[in-house]
C-alpha atoms as a PDB file:
ATOM      1  CA  MET A   1      -0.181  -0.187  -0.088  1.00  0.00           C
ATOM      2  CA  ARG A   2       1.733   2.988  -1.297  1.00  0.00           C
ATOM      3  CA  SER A   3       1.185   6.346   0.954  1.00  0.00           C
ATOM      4  CA  ASN A   4       0.885   9.820  -0.076  1.00  0.00           C
ATOM      5  CA  TYR A   5       2.462  11.589   3.042  1.00  0.00           C
ATOM      6  CA  ALA A   6       2.167  15.267   1.107  1.00  0.00           C
ATOM      7  CA  ALA A   7      -1.069  15.480   1.086  1.00  0.00           C
ATOM      8  CA  HIS A   8      -2.310  13.674   4.202  1.00  0.00           C
ATOM      9  CA  GLU A   9       0.832  16.263   5.521  1.00  0.00           C
ATOM     10  CA  MET A  10      -1.318  19.422   3.804  1.00  0.00           C
ATOM     11  CA  ARG A  11      -5.166  18.792   4.471  1.00  0.00           C
ATOM     12  CA  TYR A  12      -4.348  18.039   8.337  1.00  0.00           C
ATOM     13  CA  ARG A  13      -1.897  21.480   8.313  1.00  0.00           C
ATOM     14  CA  GLN A  14      -4.590  22.994   6.765  1.00  0.00           C
ATOM     15  CA  LEU A  15      -7.236  21.761   8.872  1.00  0.00           C
ATOM     16  CA  ARG A  16      -4.921  22.824  12.069  1.00  0.00           C
ATOM     17  CA  ALA A  17      -4.770  26.791  10.144  1.00  0.00           C
ATOM     18  CA  GLU A  18      -8.924  26.641  10.435  1.00  0.00           C
ATOM     19  CA  GLY A  19      -8.487  26.073  14.366  1.00  0.00           C
ATOM     20  CA  ALA A  20      -9.292  22.563  14.543  1.00  0.00           C
ATOM     21  CA  SER A  21      -7.575  20.276  17.225  1.00  0.00           C
ATOM     22  CA  GLY A  22      -6.863  17.411  15.323  1.00  0.00           C
ATOM     23  CA  TRP A  23      -8.155  15.363  12.178  1.00  0.00           C
ATOM     24  CA  THR A  24     -12.084  16.402  13.717  1.00  0.00           C
ATOM     25  CA  THR A  25     -13.306  19.838  14.996  1.00  0.00           C
ATOM     26  CA  ASP A  26     -14.605  20.517  18.388  1.00  0.00           C
ATOM     27  CA  ASP A  27     -17.881  20.069  17.054  1.00  0.00           C
ATOM     28  CA  GLU A  28     -17.271  16.946  15.791  1.00  0.00           C
ATOM     29  CA  VAL A  29     -15.457  15.309  18.975  1.00  0.00           C
ATOM     30  CA  ASP A  30     -18.122  17.115  21.027  1.00  0.00           C
ATOM     31  CA  GLN A  31     -20.594  15.280  18.962  1.00  0.00           C
ATOM     32  CA  ILE A  32     -19.101  12.233  19.217  1.00  0.00           C
ATOM     33  CA  MET A  33     -18.478  12.408  23.113  1.00  0.00           C
ATOM     34  CA  GLU A  34     -22.487  12.736  23.325  1.00  0.00           C
ATOM     35  CA  GLU A  35     -22.994   9.709  22.174  1.00  0.00           C
ATOM     36  CA  VAL A  36     -20.442   8.394  23.955  1.00  0.00           C
ATOM     37  CA  GLU A  37     -22.215   8.888  27.014  1.00  0.00           C
ATOM     38  CA  ALA A  38     -25.231   7.748  25.601  1.00  0.00           C
ATOM     39  CA  ALA A  39     -24.482   4.566  24.973  1.00  0.00           C
ATOM     40  CA  LEU A  40     -22.518   4.080  28.378  1.00  0.00           C
ATOM     41  CA  SER A  41     -25.428   5.381  30.511  1.00  0.00           C
ATOM     42  CA  ALA A  42     -27.779   3.272  28.516  1.00  0.00           C
ATOM     43  CA  PRO A  43     -30.080   0.573  30.420  1.00  0.00           C
ATOM     44  CA  TYR A  44     -28.316  -2.445  28.215  1.00  0.00           C
ATOM     45  CA  ALA A  45     -24.569  -1.413  29.522  1.00  0.00           C
ATOM     46  CA  PRO A  46     -23.992  -3.360  32.510  1.00  0.00           C
ATOM     47  CA  ARG A  47     -22.563  -1.548  35.779  1.00  0.00           C
ATOM     48  CA  GLY A  48     -19.426  -1.670  35.872  1.00  0.00           C
ATOM     49  CA  GLY A  49     -18.472  -3.738  33.061  1.00  0.00           C
ATOM     50  CA  ARG A  50     -15.616  -2.834  30.861  1.00  0.00           C
ATOM     51  CA  ALA A  51     -15.503  -0.493  27.345  1.00  0.00           C
ATOM     52  CA  LEU A  52     -12.653  -1.793  24.963  1.00  0.00           C
ATOM     53  CA  ASP A  53     -11.677   1.236  22.782  1.00  0.00           C
ATOM     54  CA  LEU A  54     -10.721  -0.315  18.862  1.00  0.00           C
ATOM     55  CA  GLY A  55     -10.143   2.892  17.200  1.00  0.00           C
ATOM     56  CA  CYS A  56      -7.658   4.185  14.817  1.00  0.00           C
ATOM     57  CA  GLY A  57      -6.886   8.426  14.583  1.00  0.00           C
ATOM     58  CA  ALA A  58      -4.794  11.132  16.403  1.00  0.00           C
ATOM     59  CA  GLY A  59      -6.971   9.497  19.768  1.00  0.00           C
ATOM     60  CA  GLU A  60      -9.473  12.672  20.411  1.00  0.00           C
ATOM     61  CA  VAL A  61     -11.891  10.811  21.502  1.00  0.00           C
ATOM     62  CA  THR A  62     -10.667   7.972  24.148  1.00  0.00           C
ATOM     63  CA  LEU A  63     -12.298   5.867  26.563  1.00  0.00           C
END
């Protein structure tokens, strides 16, 4: 698999210049956190249970 690092870096710098803290905007992070909190507080979520966070990215949303 080939990578286009230059295009990747250019897009990341553009997002940062626009005020994003990373690959997602603050509004997107807030929305994701609302969804995570709702899922973890739902009646079907076991109390005292464990969560396994599998993901990729910069880790802006990490449990």
